Amino acid sequence: MALPPHIACRPYPEIAPMTETPPPPVSHLNDHFDQRVVEHAADARWLPSPQPGVERRMLDRVGREIGRATSIVRYAAGAAFPTHVHGGGEEILVLDGVFSDEDGDYPAGSYLRNPPGSRHAPFSRHGGTLFVKLWQFTAGDRQTLRIDTRTAGWLPGVVAGLSVLPLHEHDGIETALVRWAPETRLATHAHPGGEEILVLDGLLHDEDGDYAPGSWLRNPRGSRHTPFTGAKGALIYVKVGHLGAQLLVPESV
């Protein structure tokens, strides 16, 4: 079923298929969290995961297969993982297709949180793309969440033209979807605990650049910017307060 325009993510640009020879494992990527990072969708590089039929666009990473990681993960039709435990928790936003596990099917627009110690066997019958964050829970965050953002209620934002769908809050870390009407501007503001943005639709701007769907930004603690939209408006995923927070860390990292 097609999602409403304010929820549906635009298709990502076509990327060349993976090579047959897997590249060396990536253990550290964009791991200086006091630096600003921008990863544009047009520059995306997809890498194979250890599981056949699953590839990843890595955004930041500390550790190899067990460690803090932010990625966009693409499942081919029929791809599946065996049952596994998330020692540090897992956060998922389904961007397109349908993602599934033994508890249900989650279409595009689904927001999931699997807390530390949870286990599942995920798969996708027909393929799908996910935004995934691993090992980014604080010790007391044990809430399981299943939110269908297609039907959830939105709230007015801090200025006219903004609407907010809160997704999760714990220990000063807040996650939300934010819908920007065309020609909307926020005043210059700071992010004491940092800010992370994934552009889902439209076109977001600030004084440093333009960000199309699939673009990912991470602004460090204390950074300032003045975001705005033009004629297109935008839909974005936003997380604030997590950079520098006391997150769970695997023993091997």
Protein backbone atom coordinates (compact mmCIF):
# COMPACT_ATOMS: atom_id res chain seq x y z
CA MET A 1 0.00 0.00 0.00
CA ALA A 2 1.39 3.41 -0.89
CA LEU A 3 2.07 5.68 2.06
CA PRO A 4 0.75 9.23 2.33
CA PRO A 5 3.18 11.76 0.79
CA HIS A 6 4.26 13.09 4.21
CA ILE A 7 5.37 9.64 5.37
CA ALA A 8 6.58 7.80 2.28
CA CYS A 9 10.31 7.96 1.64
CA ARG A 10 11.35 8.70 -1.92
CA PRO A 11 13.22 5.92 -3.71
CA TYR A 12 16.96 5.99 -3.28
CA PRO A 13 19.12 6.56 -6.35
CA GLU A 14 20.07 3.41 -8.24
CA ILE A 15 23.37 2.09 -6.95
CA ALA A 16 25.71 -0.26 -8.77
CA PRO A 17 25.31 -3.86 -7.56
CA MET A 18 27.73 -5.30 -5.03
CA THR A 19 30.93 -6.85 -6.28
CA GLU A 20 31.37 -10.58 -5.85
CA THR A 21 34.45 -10.18 -3.63
CA PRO A 22 33.48 -8.68 -0.25
CA PRO A 23 35.64 -5.75 0.89
CA PRO A 24 37.55 -5.93 4.19
CA PRO A 25 35.35 -5.50 7.28
CA VAL A 26 34.76 -1.91 8.40
CA SER A 27 35.34 -1.40 12.12
CA HIS A 28 35.58 2.41 12.41
CA LEU A 29 33.70 4.97 10.34
CA ASN A 30 32.78 8.56 11.23
CA ASP A 31 33.63 7.68 14.83
CA HIS A 32 34.85 11.14 15.86
CA PHE A 33 31.59 12.27 17.41
CA ASP A 34 32.85 15.81 18.01
CA GLN A 35 32.93 16.42 14.25
CA ARG A 36 30.15 17.31 11.83
CA VAL A 37 29.42 14.60 9.27
CA VAL A 38 27.29 14.78 6.11
CA GLU A 39 26.64 11.72 3.93
CA HIS A 40 24.70 12.55 0.78
CA ALA A 41 22.48 9.93 -0.83
CA ALA A 42 24.13 10.53 -4.21
CA ASP A 43 27.45 9.36 -2.75
CA ALA A 44 26.05 6.20 -1.14
CA ARG A 45 28.19 3.07 -1.25
CA TRP A 46 26.50 -0.24 -0.54
CA LEU A 47 28.50 -3.07 1.02
CA PRO A 48 27.56 -6.71 1.56
CA SER A 49 26.68 -7.86 5.06
CA PRO A 50 27.66 -11.31 6.37
CA GLN A 51 24.14 -12.46 5.49
CA PRO A 52 23.37 -13.23 1.82
CA GLY A 53 20.85 -10.86 0.28
CA VAL A 54 21.44 -8.07 2.80
CA GLU A 55 23.62 -5.05 2.05
CA ARG A 56 24.42 -1.94 4.05
CA ARG A 57 25.17 1.70 3.55
CA MET A 58 27.28 2.41 6.63
CA LEU A 59 26.97 5.87 8.17
CA ASP A 60 28.91 5.59 11.41
CA ARG A 61 30.47 2.63 13.18
CA VAL A 62 32.55 1.68 16.22
CA GLY A 63 33.22 -2.06 16.08
CA ARG A 64 32.69 -4.69 13.42
CA GLU A 65 29.60 -6.90 13.66
CA ILE A 66 29.13 -6.21 17.39
CA GLY A 67 29.35 -2.51 18.11
CA ARG A 68 27.75 0.90 17.85
CA ALA A 69 26.54 1.41 14.30
CA THR A 70 24.21 3.54 12.21
CA SER A 71 23.35 2.15 8.77
CA ILE A 72 20.81 1.98 6.02
CA VAL A 73 20.16 -1.72 5.42
CA ARG A 74 18.67 -3.14 2.23
CA TYR A 75 17.03 -6.59 2.16
CA ALA A 76 16.58 -8.42 -1.14
CA ALA A 77 13.35 -10.36 -1.53
CA GLY A 78 13.52 -13.48 0.64
CA ALA A 79 16.58 -12.37 2.65
CA ALA A 80 16.60 -13.40 6.31
CA PHE A 81 18.76 -13.46 9.43
CA PRO A 82 18.79 -16.34 11.92
CA THR A 83 17.54 -15.68 15.44
CA HIS A 84 19.96 -13.37 17.24
CA VAL A 85 20.15 -11.26 20.40
CA HIS A 86 20.57 -7.48 20.45
CA GLY A 87 22.86 -7.01 23.43
CA GLY A 88 22.83 -3.23 23.07
CA GLY A 89 19.38 -2.75 21.58
CA GLU A 90 18.21 -1.97 18.06
CA GLU A 91 16.25 0.98 16.61
CA ILE A 92 14.62 0.66 13.17
CA LEU A 93 12.70 2.97 10.85
CA VAL A 94 11.32 1.11 7.81
CA LEU A 95 11.96 3.29 4.76
CA ASP A 96 10.40 1.18 2.02
CA GLY A 97 9.04 -2.32 1.42
CA VAL A 98 7.98 -4.55 4.32
CA PHE A 99 10.24 -5.77 7.12
CA SER A 100 9.13 -8.78 9.19
CA ASP A 101 10.01 -10.98 12.12
CA GLU A 102 8.23 -13.71 14.07
CA ASP A 103 6.03 -11.08 15.75
CA GLY A 104 4.64 -9.40 12.66
CA ASP A 105 5.02 -7.44 9.45
CA TYR A 106 6.16 -3.80 9.48
CA PRO A 107 5.50 -1.74 6.34
CA ALA A 108 7.23 1.47 5.34
CA GLY A 109 6.70 4.09 8.02
CA SER A 110 7.04 1.62 10.93
CA TYR A 111 9.26 2.66 13.84
CA LEU A 112 10.59 -0.16 16.04
CA ARG A 113 12.68 -0.34 19.19
CA ASN A 114 14.02 -3.70 20.37
CA PRO A 115 15.62 -3.17 23.81
CA PRO A 116 18.90 -4.65 25.04
CA GLY A 117 18.61 -8.41 25.47
CA SER A 118 15.76 -8.81 22.98
CA ARG A 119 15.95 -11.40 20.23
CA HIS A 120 14.27 -12.00 16.87
CA ALA A 121 14.70 -13.60 13.44
CA PRO A 122 14.12 -10.80 10.89
CA PHE A 123 13.36 -11.26 7.20
CA SER A 124 11.70 -9.59 4.23
CA ARG A 125 9.48 -11.55 1.85
CA HIS A 126 9.55 -9.00 -0.96
CA GLY A 127 12.48 -6.77 0.01
CA GLY A 128 12.78 -3.55 1.94
CA THR A 129 15.07 -0.79 3.19
CA LEU A 130 15.62 0.15 6.84
CA PHE A 131 17.38 2.85 8.83
CA VAL A 132 19.03 0.95 11.71
CA LYS A 133 20.87 2.03 14.86
CA LEU A 134 22.63 -0.58 17.05
CA TRP A 135 24.11 -0.25 20.55
CA GLN A 136 22.64 3.23 21.05
CA PHE A 137 20.50 2.63 24.15
CA THR A 138 21.20 3.85 27.67
CA ALA A 139 21.25 1.31 30.50
CA GLY A 140 17.74 2.08 31.76
CA ASP A 141 16.02 2.13 28.37
CA ARG A 142 14.08 -1.15 28.18
CA GLN A 143 10.96 -0.11 26.27
CA THR A 144 9.80 -2.13 23.27
CA LEU A 145 8.08 0.08 20.69
CA ARG A 146 6.02 -0.57 17.58
CA ILE A 147 4.72 2.69 16.05
CA ASP A 148 2.89 2.96 12.73
CA THR A 149 3.73 6.53 11.76
CA ARG A 150 1.14 6.41 8.98
CA THR A 151 -1.67 6.57 11.55
CA ALA A 152 -0.02 8.20 14.59
CA GLY A 153 -1.00 11.72 15.64
CA TRP A 154 1.20 14.71 14.79
CA LEU A 155 1.68 17.76 17.01
CA PRO A 156 2.30 21.41 16.11
CA GLY A 157 5.99 22.33 15.99
CA VAL A 158 7.80 25.26 17.57
CA VAL A 159 7.10 27.51 14.56
CA ALA A 160 4.32 27.72 12.00
CA GLY A 161 4.90 25.21 9.20
CA LEU A 162 6.42 22.50 11.42
CA SER A 163 4.62 19.35 12.59
CA VAL A 164 6.22 16.82 14.95
CA LEU A 165 5.57 13.13 15.55
CA PRO A 166 7.40 12.15 18.78
CA LEU A 167 8.73 8.60 18.61
CA HIS A 168 10.76 8.07 21.78
CA GLU A 169 12.27 9.92 24.76
CA HIS A 170 14.55 8.63 27.52
CA ASP A 171 17.41 10.10 29.56
CA GLY A 172 17.23 13.38 27.64
CA ILE A 173 17.50 11.65 24.25
CA GLU A 174 14.57 12.51 21.97
CA THR A 175 13.63 10.98 18.62
CA ALA A 176 10.92 12.28 16.28
CA LEU A 177 9.75 12.73 12.73
CA VAL A 178 9.44 16.38 11.71
CA ARG A 179 7.39 17.55 8.74
CA TRP A 180 8.38 20.90 7.23
CA ALA A 181 5.94 22.83 5.08
CA PRO A 182 7.41 24.69 2.11
CA GLU A 183 9.18 27.97 2.94
CA THR A 184 9.59 27.21 6.64
CA ARG A 185 12.57 28.45 8.64
CA LEU A 186 13.87 27.86 12.16
CA ALA A 187 15.90 30.50 13.92
CA THR A 188 19.57 29.76 14.50
CA HIS A 189 19.79 27.36 17.44
CA ALA A 190 22.31 25.16 19.25
CA HIS A 191 22.26 21.43 20.03
CA PRO A 192 23.83 20.90 23.47
CA GLY A 193 23.58 17.12 23.11
CA GLY A 194 24.12 16.95 19.36
CA GLU A 195 21.68 16.28 16.53
CA GLU A 196 21.27 13.60 13.88
CA ILE A 197 19.05 13.95 10.80
CA LEU A 198 18.00 11.57 8.03
CA VAL A 199 16.11 13.33 5.22
CA LEU A 200 13.17 11.16 4.18
CA ASP A 201 11.42 13.36 1.63
CA GLY A 202 11.62 16.78 0.06
CA LEU A 203 14.67 19.01 0.39
CA LEU A 204 16.18 20.41 3.59
CA HIS A 205 18.66 23.30 3.62
CA ASP A 206 20.88 25.11 6.07
CA GLU A 207 23.70 27.62 5.73
CA ASP A 208 26.11 24.79 4.87
CA GLY A 209 24.25 22.98 2.12
CA ASP A 210 21.26 21.23 0.58
CA TYR A 211 20.10 17.77 1.65
CA ALA A 212 18.04 15.51 -0.60
CA PRO A 213 16.17 12.34 0.44
CA GLY A 214 18.58 9.78 1.87
CA SER A 215 21.04 12.41 3.10
CA TRP A 216 22.31 11.89 6.67
CA LEU A 217 23.73 14.61 8.91
CA ARG A 218 25.32 14.42 12.36
CA ASN A 219 25.91 17.74 14.10
CA PRO A 220 28.11 17.55 17.23
CA ARG A 221 27.35 18.81 20.72
CA GLY A 222 27.18 22.59 20.88
CA SER A 223 26.86 23.02 17.11
CA ARG A 224 24.56 25.67 15.66
CA HIS A 225 22.69 25.95 12.39
CA THR A 226 19.70 27.62 10.72
CA PRO A 227 17.65 24.98 8.85
CA PHE A 228 14.95 25.90 6.35
CA THR A 229 12.95 24.62 3.40
CA GLY A 230 12.19 26.08 0.00
CA ALA A 231 9.38 25.26 -2.38
CA LYS A 232 9.43 21.50 -1.70
CA GLY A 233 9.15 21.23 2.07
CA ALA A 234 10.71 18.20 3.78
CA LEU A 235 10.17 15.22 6.05
CA ILE A 236 13.04 14.28 8.36
CA TYR A 237 13.96 11.83 11.12
CA VAL A 238 15.66 13.67 14.01
CA LYS A 239 17.47 12.47 17.13
CA VAL A 240 18.90 14.91 19.69
CA GLY A 241 20.74 14.58 23.00
CA HIS A 242 22.48 11.28 22.25
CA LEU A 243 25.98 12.43 21.37
CA GLY A 244 28.05 12.14 24.52
CA ALA A 245 25.33 10.23 26.37
CA GLN A 246 26.29 7.18 28.45
CA LEU A 247 25.29 4.45 26.01
CA LEU A 248 25.77 0.73 26.49
CA VAL A 249 29.11 -0.51 25.13
CA PRO A 250 29.91 -4.14 24.19
CA GLU A 251 32.81 -5.70 26.06
CA SER A 252 34.67 -6.34 22.81
CA VAL A 253 34.84 -2.65 21.80
